[in-house]
N, C-alpha and C. Protein backbone atom coordinates (compact mmCIF):
# COMPACT_ATOMS: atom_id res chain seq x y z
N UNK A 1 17.30 -38.02 44.25
CA UNK A 1 17.22 -38.25 42.82
C UNK A 1 17.93 -37.10 42.11
N UNK A 2 19.00 -37.42 41.53
CA UNK A 2 19.79 -36.41 40.85
C UNK A 2 19.80 -36.65 39.36
N UNK A 3 20.04 -37.83 38.96
CA UNK A 3 20.18 -38.14 37.54
C UNK A 3 18.98 -38.98 37.09
N UNK A 4 17.96 -38.28 36.54
CA UNK A 4 16.76 -38.97 36.06
C UNK A 4 16.87 -39.09 34.56
N UNK A 5 16.73 -40.28 34.06
CA UNK A 5 16.84 -40.50 32.62
C UNK A 5 15.46 -40.91 32.10
N UNK A 6 14.84 -39.99 31.35
CA UNK A 6 13.54 -40.28 30.77
C UNK A 6 13.73 -41.01 29.45
N UNK A 7 12.65 -41.58 28.99
CA UNK A 7 12.64 -42.25 27.69
C UNK A 7 12.97 -41.23 26.60
N UNK A 8 13.70 -41.58 25.58
CA UNK A 8 14.08 -40.68 24.50
C UNK A 8 12.86 -40.09 23.79
N UNK A 9 11.83 -40.87 23.61
CA UNK A 9 10.61 -40.38 22.96
C UNK A 9 9.96 -39.29 23.79
N UNK A 10 9.96 -39.45 25.11
CA UNK A 10 9.40 -38.44 26.01
C UNK A 10 10.22 -37.15 25.94
N UNK A 11 11.55 -37.27 25.98
CA UNK A 11 12.41 -36.09 25.89
C UNK A 11 12.24 -35.38 24.55
N UNK A 12 12.11 -36.14 23.47
CA UNK A 12 11.88 -35.53 22.15
C UNK A 12 10.55 -34.82 22.09
N UNK A 13 9.54 -35.41 22.72
CA UNK A 13 8.21 -34.78 22.74
C UNK A 13 8.27 -33.45 23.47
N UNK A 14 9.00 -33.40 24.58
CA UNK A 14 9.14 -32.15 25.33
C UNK A 14 9.87 -31.10 24.49
N UNK A 15 10.96 -31.52 23.84
CA UNK A 15 11.70 -30.58 22.99
C UNK A 15 10.84 -30.07 21.84
N UNK A 16 10.08 -30.95 21.22
CA UNK A 16 9.21 -30.55 20.10
C UNK A 16 8.13 -29.58 20.58
N UNK A 17 7.62 -29.81 21.79
CA UNK A 17 6.61 -28.91 22.34
C UNK A 17 7.21 -27.53 22.56
N UNK A 18 8.41 -27.45 23.12
CA UNK A 18 9.07 -26.17 23.34
C UNK A 18 9.33 -25.44 22.03
N UNK A 19 9.80 -26.18 21.04
CA UNK A 19 10.06 -25.58 19.73
C UNK A 19 8.76 -25.07 19.11
N UNK A 20 7.69 -25.84 19.22
CA UNK A 20 6.39 -25.43 18.67
C UNK A 20 5.88 -24.17 19.36
N UNK A 21 6.04 -24.10 20.68
CA UNK A 21 5.61 -22.90 21.41
C UNK A 21 6.42 -21.68 20.99
N UNK A 22 7.73 -21.85 20.83
CA UNK A 22 8.57 -20.73 20.39
C UNK A 22 8.22 -20.28 18.97
N UNK A 23 7.94 -21.23 18.11
CA UNK A 23 7.53 -20.89 16.74
C UNK A 23 6.20 -20.16 16.72
N UNK A 24 5.28 -20.57 17.59
CA UNK A 24 3.98 -19.89 17.67
C UNK A 24 4.15 -18.46 18.15
N UNK A 25 5.00 -18.26 19.16
CA UNK A 25 5.25 -16.90 19.65
C UNK A 25 5.91 -16.04 18.58
N UNK A 26 6.82 -16.65 17.84
CA UNK A 26 7.49 -15.91 16.77
C UNK A 26 6.49 -15.50 15.69
N UNK A 27 5.61 -16.41 15.31
CA UNK A 27 4.59 -16.10 14.31
C UNK A 27 3.65 -15.01 14.80
N UNK A 28 3.30 -15.07 16.09
CA UNK A 28 2.42 -14.05 16.67
C UNK A 28 3.11 -12.68 16.63
N UNK A 29 4.38 -12.64 16.96
CA UNK A 29 5.12 -11.38 16.93
C UNK A 29 5.23 -10.83 15.51
N UNK A 30 5.42 -11.70 14.55
CA UNK A 30 5.48 -11.27 13.14
C UNK A 30 4.13 -10.67 12.73
N UNK A 31 3.05 -11.32 13.15
CA UNK A 31 1.71 -10.82 12.82
C UNK A 31 1.49 -9.43 13.43
N UNK A 32 1.88 -9.26 14.68
CA UNK A 32 1.73 -7.96 15.34
C UNK A 32 2.55 -6.90 14.61
N UNK A 33 3.76 -7.26 14.21
CA UNK A 33 4.62 -6.32 13.50
C UNK A 33 4.01 -5.92 12.15
N UNK A 34 3.47 -6.88 11.42
CA UNK A 34 2.86 -6.59 10.12
C UNK A 34 1.63 -5.71 10.30
N UNK A 35 0.81 -5.99 11.32
CA UNK A 35 -0.38 -5.17 11.58
C UNK A 35 0.02 -3.74 11.92
N UNK A 36 1.06 -3.57 12.72
CA UNK A 36 1.51 -2.23 13.09
C UNK A 36 2.04 -1.48 11.88
N UNK A 37 2.77 -2.16 11.01
CA UNK A 37 3.26 -1.52 9.79
C UNK A 37 2.11 -1.10 8.90
N UNK A 38 1.07 -1.93 8.83
CA UNK A 38 -0.11 -1.59 8.02
C UNK A 38 -0.81 -0.36 8.58
N UNK A 39 -0.91 -0.27 9.91
CA UNK A 39 -1.53 0.91 10.53
C UNK A 39 -0.74 2.16 10.22
N UNK A 40 0.58 2.07 10.31
CA UNK A 40 1.42 3.23 10.03
C UNK A 40 1.31 3.65 8.56
N UNK A 41 1.25 2.69 7.66
CA UNK A 41 1.09 3.01 6.24
C UNK A 41 -0.23 3.70 6.00
N UNK A 42 -1.29 3.22 6.65
CA UNK A 42 -2.61 3.83 6.49
C UNK A 42 -2.62 5.26 7.01
N UNK A 43 -2.00 5.48 8.16
CA UNK A 43 -1.94 6.83 8.74
C UNK A 43 -1.19 7.77 7.82
N UNK A 44 -0.07 7.31 7.26
CA UNK A 44 0.71 8.14 6.34
C UNK A 44 -0.10 8.46 5.08
N UNK A 45 -0.83 7.48 4.57
CA UNK A 45 -1.64 7.70 3.37
C UNK A 45 -2.76 8.70 3.64
N UNK A 46 -3.41 8.58 4.80
CA UNK A 46 -4.48 9.51 5.15
C UNK A 46 -3.94 10.93 5.30
N UNK A 47 -2.77 11.06 5.92
CA UNK A 47 -2.16 12.38 6.09
C UNK A 47 -1.81 12.99 4.73
N UNK A 48 -1.28 12.18 3.83
CA UNK A 48 -0.94 12.66 2.49
C UNK A 48 -2.20 13.08 1.73
N UNK A 49 -3.27 12.29 1.88
CA UNK A 49 -4.53 12.64 1.21
C UNK A 49 -5.07 13.97 1.74
N UNK A 50 -5.00 14.18 3.04
CA UNK A 50 -5.47 15.44 3.62
C UNK A 50 -4.61 16.61 3.14
N UNK A 51 -3.31 16.40 3.03
CA UNK A 51 -2.42 17.45 2.55
C UNK A 51 -2.75 17.82 1.10
N UNK A 52 -2.98 16.80 0.28
CA UNK A 52 -3.31 17.05 -1.13
C UNK A 52 -4.65 17.77 -1.24
N UNK A 53 -5.62 17.35 -0.46
CA UNK A 53 -6.94 17.99 -0.51
C UNK A 53 -6.86 19.44 -0.03
N UNK A 54 -6.10 19.68 1.04
CA UNK A 54 -5.94 21.05 1.54
C UNK A 54 -5.28 21.93 0.49
N UNK A 55 -4.28 21.40 -0.17
CA UNK A 55 -3.61 22.17 -1.23
C UNK A 55 -4.57 22.47 -2.37
N UNK A 56 -5.39 21.49 -2.74
CA UNK A 56 -6.35 21.70 -3.82
C UNK A 56 -7.38 22.75 -3.44
N UNK A 57 -7.82 22.72 -2.19
CA UNK A 57 -8.81 23.71 -1.73
C UNK A 57 -8.20 25.10 -1.69
N UNK A 58 -6.93 25.20 -1.31
CA UNK A 58 -6.27 26.51 -1.30
C UNK A 58 -6.09 27.04 -2.71
N UNK A 59 -5.79 26.16 -3.64
CA UNK A 59 -5.51 26.58 -5.01
C UNK A 59 -6.75 26.97 -5.79
N UNK A 60 -7.88 26.40 -5.45
CA UNK A 60 -9.10 26.63 -6.22
C UNK A 60 -10.27 26.88 -5.28
N UNK A 61 -10.62 28.15 -5.05
CA UNK A 61 -11.72 28.46 -4.12
C UNK A 61 -13.07 27.88 -4.55
N UNK A 62 -13.28 27.69 -5.83
CA UNK A 62 -14.56 27.13 -6.28
C UNK A 62 -14.69 25.66 -5.90
N UNK A 63 -13.57 25.03 -5.61
CA UNK A 63 -13.61 23.64 -5.18
C UNK A 63 -14.34 23.48 -3.84
N UNK A 64 -14.28 24.53 -3.01
CA UNK A 64 -15.00 24.49 -1.74
C UNK A 64 -16.50 24.39 -2.01
N UNK A 65 -16.99 25.18 -2.94
CA UNK A 65 -18.42 25.11 -3.29
C UNK A 65 -18.76 23.75 -3.88
N UNK A 66 -17.90 23.23 -4.71
CA UNK A 66 -18.13 21.92 -5.31
C UNK A 66 -18.22 20.85 -4.22
N UNK A 67 -17.31 20.88 -3.26
CA UNK A 67 -17.34 19.91 -2.16
C UNK A 67 -18.65 20.04 -1.37
N UNK A 68 -19.10 21.27 -1.14
CA UNK A 68 -20.34 21.48 -0.39
C UNK A 68 -21.53 20.91 -1.15
N UNK A 69 -21.57 21.11 -2.46
CA UNK A 69 -22.66 20.57 -3.28
C UNK A 69 -22.62 19.04 -3.26
N UNK A 70 -21.44 18.45 -3.30
CA UNK A 70 -21.33 16.99 -3.28
C UNK A 70 -21.89 16.39 -1.99
N UNK A 71 -21.77 17.13 -0.89
CA UNK A 71 -22.24 16.63 0.41
C UNK A 71 -23.68 17.03 0.72
N UNK A 72 -24.25 17.88 -0.10
CA UNK A 72 -25.60 18.37 0.17
C UNK A 72 -26.61 17.27 -0.06
N UNK A 73 -27.59 17.16 0.82
CA UNK A 73 -28.61 16.11 0.72
C UNK A 73 -29.83 16.53 -0.10
N UNK A 74 -29.84 17.75 -0.65
CA UNK A 74 -30.93 18.20 -1.50
C UNK A 74 -32.05 18.89 -0.75
N UNK A 75 -31.97 18.94 0.53
CA UNK A 75 -33.01 19.57 1.35
C UNK A 75 -32.59 21.00 1.69
N UNK A 76 -33.49 21.95 1.42
CA UNK A 76 -33.22 23.32 1.82
C UNK A 76 -33.53 23.47 3.30
N UNK A 77 -32.86 24.38 3.98
CA UNK A 77 -33.12 24.58 5.41
C UNK A 77 -34.56 25.00 5.65
N UNK A 78 -35.11 24.60 6.78
CA UNK A 78 -36.47 24.99 7.14
C UNK A 78 -36.53 26.46 7.54
N UNK A 79 -35.46 26.94 8.16
CA UNK A 79 -35.41 28.32 8.61
C UNK A 79 -34.13 28.95 8.07
N UNK A 80 -34.28 30.15 7.47
CA UNK A 80 -33.12 30.85 6.95
C UNK A 80 -33.16 32.29 7.44
N UNK A 81 -32.00 32.78 7.78
CA UNK A 81 -31.90 34.19 8.17
C UNK A 81 -31.36 34.95 6.97
N UNK A 82 -31.96 36.07 6.66
CA UNK A 82 -31.52 36.85 5.52
C UNK A 82 -32.14 36.31 4.23
N UNK A 83 -31.55 36.70 3.12
CA UNK A 83 -32.11 36.28 1.83
C UNK A 83 -31.19 35.31 1.08
N UNK A 84 -30.28 34.67 1.78
CA UNK A 84 -29.34 33.76 1.13
C UNK A 84 -29.97 32.37 0.98
N UNK A 85 -29.90 31.84 -0.22
CA UNK A 85 -30.33 30.48 -0.49
C UNK A 85 -29.08 29.68 -0.83
N UNK A 86 -28.80 28.59 -0.11
CA UNK A 86 -27.56 27.87 -0.36
C UNK A 86 -27.46 27.34 -1.79
N UNK A 87 -26.26 27.45 -2.37
CA UNK A 87 -25.91 26.89 -3.67
C UNK A 87 -26.65 27.52 -4.85
N UNK A 88 -27.47 28.53 -4.61
CA UNK A 88 -28.20 29.15 -5.70
C UNK A 88 -27.77 30.62 -5.79
N UNK A 89 -27.19 30.97 -6.89
CA UNK A 89 -26.74 32.33 -7.10
C UNK A 89 -27.85 33.06 -7.86
N UNK A 90 -28.52 34.00 -7.20
CA UNK A 90 -29.65 34.69 -7.81
C UNK A 90 -29.24 35.97 -8.52
N UNK A 91 -27.98 36.25 -8.65
CA UNK A 91 -27.51 37.47 -9.32
C UNK A 91 -27.45 37.33 -10.79
């Protein structure tokens, strides 16, 4: 059997299936590419935010105290060495 001639509808169905599979792979690759670009954009934004925050902390030493107060949960330590009380300036 060398020359097999299938029905035209069957051959078209096979071609359409191949085209559909190729289109699905193409769409999947586009999705992966978009996701990777989004990850890279996020990483760049986070790096820029850290750079800006580091610059702000270098420029204004009181900002370090402000950041510490913002993260403080309001509880004083149970045990303290020395006479230092956090965030309270007794002078």
